[in-house]
Amino acid sequence: METLFKLVFGGIFVIVVVALVAAIGAYPTKWLVNYVFTDSVRVSLFGVAQIGFWRALALNFLCGILFKGSTSTSSK
């Protein structure tokens, strides 16, 4: 029973840590995209709207997939 208790709370801890790391990465992305792309001139010319937290998180996830470096180790 004690092992199950540790396993469940260990899993919850991992989920919370992953969520915090994602949030820490999403807020700077949100700020940067909104700062760069939503100047008043650009908004009037191109109609670019500000992004929210969830779009910034999705952008981080997408960039992680697209630009992830391949790390392959070969032992000879």
Protein backbone atom coordinates (compact mmCIF):
# COMPACT_ATOMS: atom_id res chain seq x y z
CA MET A 1 0.00 0.00 0.00
CA GLU A 2 2.85 2.37 0.80
CA THR A 3 4.46 1.71 -2.59
CA LEU A 4 1.20 2.53 -4.39
CA PHE A 5 0.92 5.73 -2.35
CA LYS A 6 4.47 6.78 -3.35
CA LEU A 7 3.82 5.89 -6.99
CA VAL A 8 0.61 7.92 -7.20
CA PHE A 9 2.06 11.01 -5.54
CA GLY A 10 5.27 10.67 -7.53
CA GLY A 11 3.20 10.73 -10.73
CA ILE A 12 1.25 13.76 -9.53
CA PHE A 13 4.52 15.51 -8.67
CA VAL A 14 5.90 14.86 -12.16
CA ILE A 15 2.73 16.22 -13.78
CA VAL A 16 2.87 19.38 -11.65
CA VAL A 17 6.56 19.95 -12.45
CA VAL A 18 5.95 19.51 -16.20
CA ALA A 19 3.03 21.97 -16.03
CA LEU A 20 5.17 24.53 -14.21
CA VAL A 21 8.01 24.22 -16.71
CA ALA A 22 5.53 24.63 -19.57
CA ALA A 23 4.06 27.74 -17.94
CA ILE A 24 7.50 29.20 -17.34
CA GLY A 25 8.27 28.71 -21.03
CA ALA A 26 4.91 29.96 -22.34
CA TYR A 27 4.84 33.36 -20.66
CA PRO A 28 8.09 34.65 -22.20
CA THR A 29 6.92 33.37 -25.60
CA LYS A 30 3.61 35.16 -25.15
CA TRP A 31 5.36 38.39 -24.19
CA LEU A 32 7.86 38.20 -27.04
CA VAL A 33 5.30 37.44 -29.76
CA ASN A 34 2.95 40.15 -28.52
CA TYR A 35 5.80 42.67 -28.26
CA VAL A 36 7.23 41.95 -31.70
CA PHE A 37 4.09 41.41 -33.78
CA THR A 38 1.44 43.67 -32.26
CA ASP A 39 2.86 47.13 -32.71
CA SER A 40 0.07 49.56 -33.60
CA VAL A 41 1.39 49.99 -37.16
CA ARG A 42 1.57 46.22 -37.75
CA VAL A 43 -1.91 45.72 -36.32
CA SER A 44 -3.40 48.30 -38.65
CA LEU A 45 -1.54 46.93 -41.69
CA PHE A 46 -1.79 43.18 -41.15
CA GLY A 47 -4.54 42.72 -38.56
CA VAL A 48 -2.33 40.77 -36.15
CA ALA A 49 -3.97 40.13 -32.79
CA GLN A 50 -2.27 39.37 -29.49
CA ILE A 51 -1.88 35.74 -28.49
CA GLY A 52 -2.86 34.26 -25.16
CA PHE A 53 -1.24 31.75 -22.84
CA TRP A 54 -2.59 28.63 -24.55
CA ARG A 55 -1.45 29.73 -28.02
CA ALA A 56 1.99 30.54 -26.64
CA LEU A 57 2.12 27.10 -25.03
CA ALA A 58 1.10 25.50 -28.33
CA LEU A 59 3.75 27.55 -30.15
CA ASN A 60 6.40 26.32 -27.71
CA PHE A 61 5.25 22.74 -28.22
CA LEU A 62 5.28 23.10 -32.01
CA CYS A 63 8.73 24.68 -32.04
CA GLY A 64 9.98 21.92 -29.77
CA ILE A 65 8.82 19.33 -32.28
CA LEU A 66 10.07 21.16 -35.36
CA PHE A 67 13.45 22.36 -34.14
CA LYS A 68 14.43 19.61 -31.74
CA GLY A 69 18.00 18.55 -32.30
CA SER A 70 18.51 14.90 -33.03
CA THR A 71 20.81 13.31 -30.52
CA SER A 72 22.00 9.93 -31.55
CA THR A 73 24.70 8.09 -29.70
CA SER A 74 26.68 5.36 -31.25
CA SER A 75 29.00 3.16 -29.33
CA LYS A 76 31.68 1.44 -31.34
